[in-house]
């Protein structure tokens, strides 16, 4: 399976990182020194929940801890979300030089 890479921009911090289509966004961000809020890392606690401004994601699990309404409003869970295109996320808690 190939690992296509996409650019993920994080607003309002102006940060960005690359994410492969087989690596959860949270893992890709951390590997590149960007800290995103998280706790369970399996799609249930919702600590990492942020808004997708543009782009498309799919999930590594069948049904992450989001309601249909939340999904329709653009909320995603980066701990289990996989990039399908370049993305822009609204995540004011993001910070550079996070834990790797």
PDB file of N, CA and C in Angstrom:
ATOM      1  N   UNK A   1       0.851  -1.174   0.000  1.00  0.00           N
ATOM      2  CA  UNK A   1       0.000   0.000   0.000  1.00  0.00           C
ATOM      3  C   UNK A   1       0.896   1.237   0.000  1.00  0.00           C
ATOM      4  N   UNK A   2       0.635   2.153  -0.896  1.00  0.00           N
ATOM      5  CA  UNK A   2       1.437   3.376  -0.941  1.00  0.00           C
ATOM      6  C   UNK A   2       0.963   4.352   0.122  1.00  0.00           C
ATOM      7  N   UNK A   3       1.837   5.234   0.515  1.00  0.00           N
ATOM      8  CA  UNK A   3       1.504   6.232   1.522  1.00  0.00           C
ATOM      9  C   UNK A   3       1.603   7.600   0.856  1.00  0.00           C
ATOM     10  N   UNK A   4       0.474   8.079   0.344  1.00  0.00           N
ATOM     11  CA  UNK A   4       0.427   9.387  -0.285  1.00  0.00           C
ATOM     12  C   UNK A   4       0.509  10.448   0.795  1.00  0.00           C
ATOM     13  N   UNK A   5       1.276  11.494   0.567  1.00  0.00           N
ATOM     14  CA  UNK A   5       1.463  12.545   1.563  1.00  0.00           C
ATOM     15  C   UNK A   5       0.656  13.789   1.213  1.00  0.00           C
ATOM     16  N   UNK A   6       0.062  14.363   2.239  1.00  0.00           N
ATOM     17  CA  UNK A   6      -0.718  15.588   2.097  1.00  0.00           C
ATOM     18  C   UNK A   6      -0.208  16.633   3.089  1.00  0.00           C
ATOM     19  N   UNK A   7      -0.468  17.900   2.788  1.00  0.00           N
ATOM     20  CA  UNK A   7      -0.107  18.995   3.685  1.00  0.00           C
ATOM     21  C   UNK A   7      -1.306  19.324   4.565  1.00  0.00           C
ATOM     22  N   UNK A   8      -1.044  19.439   5.868  1.00  0.00           N
ATOM     23  CA  UNK A   8      -2.080  19.795   6.830  1.00  0.00           C
ATOM     24  C   UNK A   8      -1.692  21.137   7.443  1.00  0.00           C
ATOM     25  N   UNK A   9      -2.522  22.151   7.233  1.00  0.00           N
ATOM     26  CA  UNK A   9      -2.310  23.483   7.821  1.00  0.00           C
ATOM     27  C   UNK A   9      -3.190  23.601   9.055  1.00  0.00           C
ATOM     28  N   UNK A  10      -2.640  24.223  10.093  1.00  0.00           N
ATOM     29  CA  UNK A  10      -3.385  24.404  11.337  1.00  0.00           C
ATOM     30  C   UNK A  10      -3.540  25.892  11.593  1.00  0.00           C
ATOM     31  N   UNK A  11      -4.778  26.331  11.659  1.00  0.00           N
ATOM     32  CA  UNK A  11      -5.091  27.726  11.950  1.00  0.00           C
ATOM     33  C   UNK A  11      -5.655  27.828  13.355  1.00  0.00           C
ATOM     34  N   UNK A  12      -5.526  28.892  14.052  1.00  0.00           N
ATOM     35  CA  UNK A  12      -4.945  30.161  13.636  1.00  0.00           C
ATOM     36  C   UNK A  12      -3.436  30.249  13.842  1.00  0.00           C
ATOM     37  N   UNK A  13      -2.790  29.160  14.271  1.00  0.00           N
ATOM     38  CA  UNK A  13      -1.369  29.200  14.615  1.00  0.00           C
ATOM     39  C   UNK A  13      -0.447  29.332  13.405  1.00  0.00           C
ATOM     40  N   UNK A  14      -0.945  29.027  12.210  1.00  0.00           N
ATOM     41  CA  UNK A  14      -0.098  29.104  11.028  1.00  0.00           C
ATOM     42  C   UNK A  14       0.917  27.973  10.951  1.00  0.00           C
ATOM     43  N   UNK A  15       0.654  26.871  11.620  1.00  0.00           N
ATOM     44  CA  UNK A  15       1.535  25.712  11.597  1.00  0.00           C
ATOM     45  C   UNK A  15       1.143  24.790  10.445  1.00  0.00           C
ATOM     46  N   UNK A  16       2.056  23.921  10.039  1.00  0.00           N
ATOM     47  CA  UNK A  16       1.713  22.907   9.044  1.00  0.00           C
ATOM     48  C   UNK A  16       2.605  21.696   9.215  1.00  0.00           C
ATOM     49  N   UNK A  17       2.121  20.558   8.728  1.00  0.00           N
ATOM     50  CA  UNK A  17       2.883  19.311   8.743  1.00  0.00           C
ATOM     51  C   UNK A  17       2.404  18.446   7.591  1.00  0.00           C
ATOM     52  N   UNK A  18       3.181  17.429   7.274  1.00  0.00           N
ATOM     53  CA  UNK A  18       2.817  16.484   6.231  1.00  0.00           C
ATOM     54  C   UNK A  18       2.209  15.254   6.890  1.00  0.00           C
ATOM     55  N   UNK A  19       1.170  14.709   6.254  1.00  0.00           N
ATOM     56  CA  UNK A  19       0.519  13.506   6.771  1.00  0.00           C
ATOM     57  C   UNK A  19       0.285  12.525   5.642  1.00  0.00           C
ATOM     58  N   UNK A  20       0.728  11.308   5.847  1.00  0.00           N
ATOM     59  CA  UNK A  20       0.459  10.252   4.881  1.00  0.00           C
ATOM     60  C   UNK A  20      -0.970   9.764   5.034  1.00  0.00           C
ATOM     61  N   UNK A  21      -1.477   9.127   3.995  1.00  0.00           N
ATOM     62  CA  UNK A  21      -2.867   8.679   4.044  1.00  0.00           C
ATOM     63  C   UNK A  21      -3.082   7.411   4.862  1.00  0.00           C
ATOM     64  N   UNK A  22      -2.027   6.883   5.468  1.00  0.00           N
ATOM     65  CA  UNK A  22      -2.158   5.712   6.339  1.00  0.00           C
ATOM     66  C   UNK A  22      -1.738   6.012   7.780  1.00  0.00           C
ATOM     67  N   UNK A  23      -1.424   7.270   8.064  1.00  0.00           N
ATOM     68  CA  UNK A  23      -0.980   7.675   9.400  1.00  0.00           C
ATOM     69  C   UNK A  23      -1.992   8.641   9.996  1.00  0.00           C
ATOM     70  N   UNK A  24      -2.521   8.361  11.192  1.00  0.00           N
ATOM     71  CA  UNK A  24      -3.457   9.300  11.819  1.00  0.00           C
ATOM     72  C   UNK A  24      -2.842  10.703  11.938  1.00  0.00           C
ATOM     73  N   UNK A  25      -3.662  11.705  11.785  1.00  0.00           N
ATOM     74  CA  UNK A  25      -3.196  13.095  11.829  1.00  0.00           C
ATOM     75  C   UNK A  25      -2.450  13.400  13.124  1.00  0.00           C
ATOM     76  N   UNK A  26      -2.946  12.931  14.241  1.00  0.00           N
ATOM     77  CA  UNK A  26      -2.295  13.182  15.532  1.00  0.00           C
ATOM     78  C   UNK A  26      -0.872  12.635  15.533  1.00  0.00           C
ATOM     79  N   UNK A  27      -0.686  11.417  15.054  1.00  0.00           N
ATOM     80  CA  UNK A  27       0.647  10.800  15.019  1.00  0.00           C
ATOM     81  C   UNK A  27       1.579  11.551  14.080  1.00  0.00           C
ATOM     82  N   UNK A  28       1.072  11.942  12.911  1.00  0.00           N
ATOM     83  CA  UNK A  28       1.900  12.675  11.946  1.00  0.00           C
ATOM     84  C   UNK A  28       2.332  14.023  12.516  1.00  0.00           C
ATOM     85  N   UNK A  29       1.410  14.721  13.175  1.00  0.00           N
ATOM     86  CA  UNK A  29       1.740  16.022  13.761  1.00  0.00           C
ATOM     87  C   UNK A  29       2.819  15.867  14.827  1.00  0.00           C
ATOM     88  N   UNK A  30       2.640  14.918  15.720  1.00  0.00           N
ATOM     89  CA  UNK A  30       3.617  14.713  16.798  1.00  0.00           C
ATOM     90  C   UNK A  30       4.988  14.345  16.264  1.00  0.00           C
ATOM     91  N   UNK A  31       5.032  13.526  15.226  1.00  0.00           N
ATOM     92  CA  UNK A  31       6.311  13.115  14.652  1.00  0.00           C
ATOM     93  C   UNK A  31       7.067  14.297  14.068  1.00  0.00           C
ATOM     94  N   UNK A  32       6.336  15.375  13.755  1.00  0.00           N
ATOM     95  CA  UNK A  32       6.957  16.557  13.162  1.00  0.00           C
ATOM     96  C   UNK A  32       6.992  17.737  14.131  1.00  0.00           C
ATOM     97  N   UNK A  33       6.866  17.444  15.435  1.00  0.00           N
ATOM     98  CA  UNK A  33       7.050  18.456  16.454  1.00  0.00           C
ATOM     99  C   UNK A  33       5.880  19.382  16.694  1.00  0.00           C
ATOM    100  N   UNK A  34       4.672  18.958  16.337  1.00  0.00           N
ATOM    101  CA  UNK A  34       3.489  19.774  16.582  1.00  0.00           C
ATOM    102  C   UNK A  34       2.601  19.045  17.574  1.00  0.00           C
ATOM    103  N   UNK A  35       2.308  19.703  18.676  1.00  0.00           N
ATOM    104  CA  UNK A  35       1.472  19.118  19.721  1.00  0.00           C
ATOM    105  C   UNK A  35       0.011  19.458  19.472  1.00  0.00           C
ATOM    106  N   UNK A  36      -0.812  18.417  19.418  1.00  0.00           N
ATOM    107  CA  UNK A  36      -2.263  18.573  19.358  1.00  0.00           C
ATOM    108  C   UNK A  36      -2.824  17.949  20.623  1.00  0.00           C
ATOM    109  N   UNK A  37      -3.899  18.504  21.138  1.00  0.00           N
ATOM    110  CA  UNK A  37      -4.522  17.960  22.344  1.00  0.00           C
ATOM    111  C   UNK A  37      -4.937  16.519  22.101  1.00  0.00           C
ATOM    112  N   UNK A  38      -4.726  15.656  23.097  1.00  0.00           N
ATOM    113  CA  UNK A  38      -5.143  14.265  22.969  1.00  0.00           C
ATOM    114  C   UNK A  38      -5.179  13.604  24.335  1.00  0.00           C
ATOM    115  N   UNK A  39      -5.842  12.463  24.386  1.00  0.00           N
ATOM    116  CA  UNK A  39      -5.869  11.677  25.604  1.00  0.00           C
ATOM    117  C   UNK A  39      -5.899  10.192  25.252  1.00  0.00           C
ATOM    118  N   UNK A  40      -7.048   9.684  24.770  1.00  0.00           N
ATOM    119  CA  UNK A  40      -7.187   8.239  24.556  1.00  0.00           C
ATOM    120  C   UNK A  40      -6.488   7.730  23.300  1.00  0.00           C
ATOM    121  N   UNK A  41      -6.430   8.520  22.267  1.00  0.00           N
ATOM    122  CA  UNK A  41      -5.841   8.172  20.970  1.00  0.00           C
ATOM    123  C   UNK A  41      -6.561   7.038  20.245  1.00  0.00           C
ATOM    124  N   UNK A  42      -7.825   6.784  20.608  1.00  0.00           N
ATOM    125  CA  UNK A  42      -8.578   5.738  19.908  1.00  0.00           C
ATOM    126  C   UNK A  42      -9.977   6.174  19.474  1.00  0.00           C
ATOM    127  N   UNK A  43     -10.242   7.486  19.486  1.00  0.00           N
ATOM    128  CA  UNK A  43     -11.507   7.991  18.959  1.00  0.00           C
ATOM    129  C   UNK A  43     -12.677   8.011  19.910  1.00  0.00           C
ATOM    130  N   UNK A  44     -12.434   7.849  21.218  1.00  0.00           N
ATOM    131  CA  UNK A  44     -13.566   7.820  22.139  1.00  0.00           C
ATOM    132  C   UNK A  44     -13.646   9.004  23.102  1.00  0.00           C
ATOM    133  N   UNK A  45     -12.531   9.575  23.520  1.00  0.00           N
ATOM    134  CA  UNK A  45     -12.572  10.612  24.563  1.00  0.00           C
ATOM    135  C   UNK A  45     -12.940  11.996  24.049  1.00  0.00           C
ATOM    136  N   UNK A  46     -12.672  12.265  22.770  1.00  0.00           N
ATOM    137  CA  UNK A  46     -13.015  13.524  22.106  1.00  0.00           C
ATOM    138  C   UNK A  46     -12.104  14.693  22.497  1.00  0.00           C
ATOM    139  N   UNK A  47     -11.035  14.452  23.239  1.00  0.00           N
ATOM    140  CA  UNK A  47     -10.118  15.514  23.635  1.00  0.00           C
ATOM    141  C   UNK A  47      -9.497  16.199  22.419  1.00  0.00           C
ATOM    142  N   UNK A  48      -9.208  15.444  21.381  1.00  0.00           N
ATOM    143  CA  UNK A  48      -8.527  15.986  20.200  1.00  0.00           C
ATOM    144  C   UNK A  48      -9.471  16.643  19.195  1.00  0.00           C
ATOM    145  N   UNK A  49     -10.767  16.609  19.449  1.00  0.00           N
ATOM    146  CA  UNK A  49     -11.768  17.105  18.496  1.00  0.00           C
ATOM    147  C   UNK A  49     -11.445  18.525  18.030  1.00  0.00           C
ATOM    148  N   UNK A  50     -11.414  18.711  16.724  1.00  0.00           N
ATOM    149  CA  UNK A  50     -11.203  20.031  16.142  1.00  0.00           C
ATOM    150  C   UNK A  50     -12.000  20.120  14.849  1.00  0.00           C
ATOM    151  N   UNK A  51     -12.059  21.302  14.281  1.00  0.00           N
ATOM    152  CA  UNK A  51     -12.875  21.507  13.087  1.00  0.00           C
ATOM    153  C   UNK A  51     -12.036  21.439  11.815  1.00  0.00           C
ATOM    154  N   UNK A  52     -12.574  20.732  10.834  1.00  0.00           N
ATOM    155  CA  UNK A  52     -11.976  20.646   9.513  1.00  0.00           C
ATOM    156  C   UNK A  52     -12.524  21.796   8.677  1.00  0.00           C
ATOM    157  N   UNK A  53     -11.641  22.727   8.309  1.00  0.00           N
ATOM    158  CA  UNK A  53     -12.060  23.881   7.509  1.00  0.00           C
ATOM    159  C   UNK A  53     -12.148  23.493   6.040  1.00  0.00           C
ATOM    160  N   UNK A  54     -11.159  22.738   5.561  1.00  0.00           N
ATOM    161  CA  UNK A  54     -11.212  22.278   4.175  1.00  0.00           C
ATOM    162  C   UNK A  54     -10.456  20.975   4.032  1.00  0.00           C
ATOM    163  N   UNK A  55     -10.830  20.202   3.024  1.00  0.00           N
ATOM    164  CA  UNK A  55     -10.214  18.920   2.759  1.00  0.00           C
ATOM    165  C   UNK A  55     -11.123  17.778   3.159  1.00  0.00           C
ATOM    166  N   UNK A  56     -10.589  16.569   3.014  1.00  0.00           N
ATOM    167  CA  UNK A  56     -11.360  15.353   3.274  1.00  0.00           C
ATOM    168  C   UNK A  56     -10.535  14.386   4.099  1.00  0.00           C
ATOM    169  N   UNK A  57     -11.191  13.761   5.086  1.00  0.00           N
ATOM    170  CA  UNK A  57     -10.556  12.725   5.891  1.00  0.00           C
ATOM    171  C   UNK A  57     -11.405  11.461   5.840  1.00  0.00           C
ATOM    172  N   UNK A  58     -10.769  10.350   6.182  1.00  0.00           N
ATOM    173  CA  UNK A  58     -11.485   9.104   6.436  1.00  0.00           C
ATOM    174  C   UNK A  58     -11.006   8.628   7.799  1.00  0.00           C
ATOM    175  N   UNK A  59     -11.658   7.611   8.336  1.00  0.00           N
ATOM    176  CA  UNK A  59     -11.319   7.173   9.692  1.00  0.00           C
ATOM    177  C   UNK A  59     -10.721   5.785   9.730  1.00  0.00           C
ATOM    178  N   UNK A  60      -9.792   5.611  10.654  1.00  0.00           N
ATOM    179  CA  UNK A  60      -9.117   4.333  10.846  1.00  0.00           C
ATOM    180  C   UNK A  60     -10.018   3.343  11.584  1.00  0.00           C
ATOM    181  N   UNK A  61     -11.107   3.830  12.163  1.00  0.00           N
ATOM    182  CA  UNK A  61     -12.069   2.960  12.845  1.00  0.00           C
ATOM    183  C   UNK A  61     -13.431   3.161  12.203  1.00  0.00           C
ATOM    184  N   UNK A  62     -14.332   2.203  12.420  1.00  0.00           N
ATOM    185  CA  UNK A  62     -15.619   2.246  11.734  1.00  0.00           C
ATOM    186  C   UNK A  62     -16.461   3.461  12.110  1.00  0.00           C
ATOM    187  N   UNK A  63     -16.582   3.765  13.379  1.00  0.00           N
ATOM    188  CA  UNK A  63     -17.394   4.907  13.785  1.00  0.00           C
ATOM    189  C   UNK A  63     -16.725   5.611  14.955  1.00  0.00           C
ATOM    190  N   UNK A  64     -16.026   6.709  14.676  1.00  0.00           N
ATOM    191  CA  UNK A  64     -15.373   7.436  15.766  1.00  0.00           C
ATOM    192  C   UNK A  64     -16.408   8.114  16.660  1.00  0.00           C
ATOM    193  N   UNK A  65     -15.962   8.635  17.799  1.00  0.00           N
ATOM    194  CA  UNK A  65     -16.845   9.226  18.790  1.00  0.00           C
ATOM    195  C   UNK A  65     -17.414  10.574  18.410  1.00  0.00           C
ATOM    196  N   UNK A  66     -18.011  10.668  17.230  1.00  0.00           N
ATOM    197  CA  UNK A  66     -18.666  11.894  16.764  1.00  0.00           C
ATOM    198  C   UNK A  66     -20.087  11.569  16.342  1.00  0.00           C
ATOM    199  N   UNK A  67     -21.001  12.478  16.627  1.00  0.00           N
ATOM    200  CA  UNK A  67     -22.374  12.296  16.145  1.00  0.00           C
ATOM    201  C   UNK A  67     -22.434  12.653  14.662  1.00  0.00           C
ATOM    202  N   UNK A  68     -23.477  12.233  14.007  1.00  0.00           N
ATOM    203  CA  UNK A  68     -23.672  12.577  12.594  1.00  0.00           C
ATOM    204  C   UNK A  68     -23.733  14.092  12.423  1.00  0.00           C
ATOM    205  N   UNK A  69     -24.360  14.791  13.368  1.00  0.00           N
ATOM    206  CA  UNK A  69     -24.442  16.256  13.306  1.00  0.00           C
ATOM    207  C   UNK A  69     -23.062  16.887  13.426  1.00  0.00           C
ATOM    208  N   UNK A  70     -22.243  16.378  14.345  1.00  0.00           N
ATOM    209  CA  UNK A  70     -20.888  16.913  14.505  1.00  0.00           C
ATOM    210  C   UNK A  70     -20.066  16.707  13.235  1.00  0.00           C
ATOM    211  N   UNK A  71     -20.173  15.532  12.649  1.00  0.00           N
ATOM    212  CA  UNK A  71     -19.466  15.275  11.394  1.00  0.00           C
ATOM    213  C   UNK A  71     -19.929  16.247  10.312  1.00  0.00           C
ATOM    214  N   UNK A  72     -21.234  16.453  10.224  1.00  0.00           N
ATOM    215  CA  UNK A  72     -21.788  17.358   9.215  1.00  0.00           C
ATOM    216  C   UNK A  72     -21.327  18.798   9.434  1.00  0.00           C
ATOM    217  N   UNK A  73     -21.035  19.163  10.689  1.00  0.00           N
ATOM    218  CA  UNK A  73     -20.565  20.509  11.010  1.00  0.00           C
ATOM    219  C   UNK A  73     -19.057  20.649  10.839  1.00  0.00           C
ATOM    220  N   UNK A  74     -18.385  19.563  10.445  1.00  0.00           N
ATOM    221  CA  UNK A  74     -16.957  19.628  10.165  1.00  0.00           C
ATOM    222  C   UNK A  74     -16.044  19.199  11.292  1.00  0.00           C
ATOM    223  N   UNK A  75     -16.579  18.683  12.380  1.00  0.00           N
ATOM    224  CA  UNK A  75     -15.730  18.240  13.486  1.00  0.00           C
ATOM    225  C   UNK A  75     -15.066  16.923  13.121  1.00  0.00           C
ATOM    226  N   UNK A  76     -13.799  16.780  13.504  1.00  0.00           N
ATOM    227  CA  UNK A  76     -13.061  15.538  13.271  1.00  0.00           C
ATOM    228  C   UNK A  76     -12.296  15.157  14.534  1.00  0.00           C
ATOM    229  N   UNK A  77     -11.812  13.922  14.561  1.00  0.00           N
ATOM    230  CA  UNK A  77     -10.962  13.425  15.636  1.00  0.00           C
ATOM    231  C   UNK A  77      -9.607  13.063  15.029  1.00  0.00           C
ATOM    232  N   UNK A  78      -8.611  13.939  15.153  1.00  0.00           N
ATOM    233  CA  UNK A  78      -7.302  13.699  14.541  1.00  0.00           C
ATOM    234  C   UNK A  78      -6.608  12.414  14.989  1.00  0.00           C
ATOM    235  N   UNK A  79      -6.964  11.884  16.148  1.00  0.00           N
ATOM    236  CA  UNK A  79      -6.292  10.669  16.622  1.00  0.00           C
ATOM    237  C   UNK A  79      -6.599   9.465  15.746  1.00  0.00           C
ATOM    238  N   UNK A  80      -7.728   9.487  15.038  1.00  0.00           N
ATOM    239  CA  UNK A  80      -8.109   8.367  14.177  1.00  0.00           C
ATOM    240  C   UNK A  80      -8.442   8.803  12.750  1.00  0.00           C
ATOM    241  N   UNK A  81      -8.248  10.093  12.441  1.00  0.00           N
ATOM    242  CA  UNK A  81      -8.541  10.618  11.100  1.00  0.00           C
ATOM    243  C   UNK A  81      -7.321  10.478  10.201  1.00  0.00           C
ATOM    244  N   UNK A  82      -7.552  10.051   8.967  1.00  0.00           N
ATOM    245  CA  UNK A  82      -6.509   9.894   7.961  1.00  0.00           C
ATOM    246  C   UNK A  82      -6.782  10.878   6.829  1.00  0.00           C
ATOM    247  N   UNK A  83      -5.759  11.573   6.384  1.00  0.00           N
ATOM    248  CA  UNK A  83      -5.916  12.565   5.315  1.00  0.00           C
ATOM    249  C   UNK A  83      -6.218  11.880   3.985  1.00  0.00           C
ATOM    250  N   UNK A  84      -7.156  12.457   3.239  1.00  0.00           N
ATOM    251  CA  UNK A  84      -7.474  12.016   1.876  1.00  0.00           C
ATOM    252  C   UNK A  84      -7.166  13.130   0.881  1.00  0.00           C
ATOM    253  N   UNK A  85      -6.738  14.277   1.397  1.00  0.00           N
ATOM    254  CA  UNK A  85      -6.409  15.444   0.581  1.00  0.00           C
ATOM    255  C   UNK A  85      -5.605  16.392   1.469  1.00  0.00           C
ATOM    256  N   UNK A  86      -5.139  17.509   0.892  1.00  0.00           N
ATOM    257  CA  UNK A  86      -4.572  18.557   1.730  1.00  0.00           C
ATOM    258  C   UNK A  86      -5.686  19.042   2.654  1.00  0.00           C
ATOM    259  N   UNK A  87      -5.308  19.431   3.874  1.00  0.00           N
ATOM    260  CA  UNK A  87      -6.297  19.808   4.892  1.00  0.00           C
ATOM    261  C   UNK A  87      -5.975  21.155   5.514  1.00  0.00           C
ATOM    262  N   UNK A  88      -7.017  21.816   5.988  1.00  0.00           N
ATOM    263  CA  UNK A  88      -6.871  22.979   6.863  1.00  0.00           C
ATOM    264  C   UNK A  88      -7.729  22.691   8.087  1.00  0.00           C
ATOM    265  N   UNK A  89      -7.102  22.742   9.270  1.00  0.00           N
ATOM    266  CA  UNK A  89      -7.783  22.492  10.533  1.00  0.00           C
ATOM    267  C   UNK A  89      -7.867  23.764  11.356  1.00  0.00           C
ATOM    268  N   UNK A  90      -8.956  23.943  12.066  1.00  0.00           N
ATOM    269  CA  UNK A  90      -9.097  25.025  13.041  1.00  0.00           C
ATOM    270  C   UNK A  90      -8.840  24.389  14.404  1.00  0.00           C
ATOM    271  N   UNK A  91      -7.647  24.640  14.946  1.00  0.00           N
ATOM    272  CA  UNK A  91      -7.255  24.063  16.233  1.00  0.00           C
ATOM    273  C   UNK A  91      -6.394  25.051  17.006  1.00  0.00           C
ATOM    274  N   UNK A  92      -7.053  25.941  17.788  1.00  0.00           N
ATOM    275  CA  UNK A  92      -6.312  26.979  18.515  1.00  0.00           C
ATOM    276  C   UNK A  92      -5.372  26.446  19.593  1.00  0.00           C
ATOM    277  N   UNK A  93      -5.533  25.190  20.017  1.00  0.00           N
ATOM    278  CA  UNK A  93      -4.669  24.624  21.066  1.00  0.00           C
ATOM    279  C   UNK A  93      -3.355  24.082  20.516  1.00  0.00           C
ATOM    280  N   UNK A  94      -3.187  24.008  19.200  1.00  0.00           N
ATOM    281  CA  UNK A  94      -1.973  23.448  18.600  1.00  0.00           C
ATOM    282  C   UNK A  94      -0.757  24.290  18.975  1.00  0.00           C
ATOM    283  N   UNK A  95       0.362  23.603  19.153  1.00  0.00           N
ATOM    284  CA  UNK A  95       1.607  24.293  19.517  1.00  0.00           C
ATOM    285  C   UNK A  95       2.793  23.645  18.813  1.00  0.00           C
ATOM    286  N   UNK A  96       3.725  24.445  18.388  1.00  0.00           N
ATOM    287  CA  UNK A  96       4.971  23.946  17.783  1.00  0.00           C
ATOM    288  C   UNK A  96       5.877  23.402  18.873  1.00  0.00           C
ATOM    289  N   UNK A  97       6.839  22.583  18.462  1.00  0.00           N
ATOM    290  CA  UNK A  97       7.825  22.001  19.378  1.00  0.00           C
ATOM    291  C   UNK A  97       7.179  21.146  20.450  1.00  0.00           C
ATOM    292  N   UNK A  98       6.112  20.436  20.080  1.00  0.00           N
ATOM    293  CA  UNK A  98       5.445  19.537  21.013  1.00  0.00           C
ATOM    294  C   UNK A  98       6.232  18.262  21.189  1.00  0.00           C
ATOM    295  N   UNK A  99       5.680  17.373  21.977  1.00  0.00           N
ATOM    296  CA  UNK A  99       6.342  16.100  22.231  1.00  0.00           C
ATOM    297  C   UNK A  99       6.452  15.286  20.961  1.00  0.00           C
ATOM    298  N   UNK A 100       7.617  14.701  20.773  1.00  0.00           N
ATOM    299  CA  UNK A 100       7.831  13.868  19.576  1.00  0.00           C
ATOM    300  C   UNK A 100       7.703  12.415  19.937  1.00  0.00           C
TER     301      UNK A 100
END
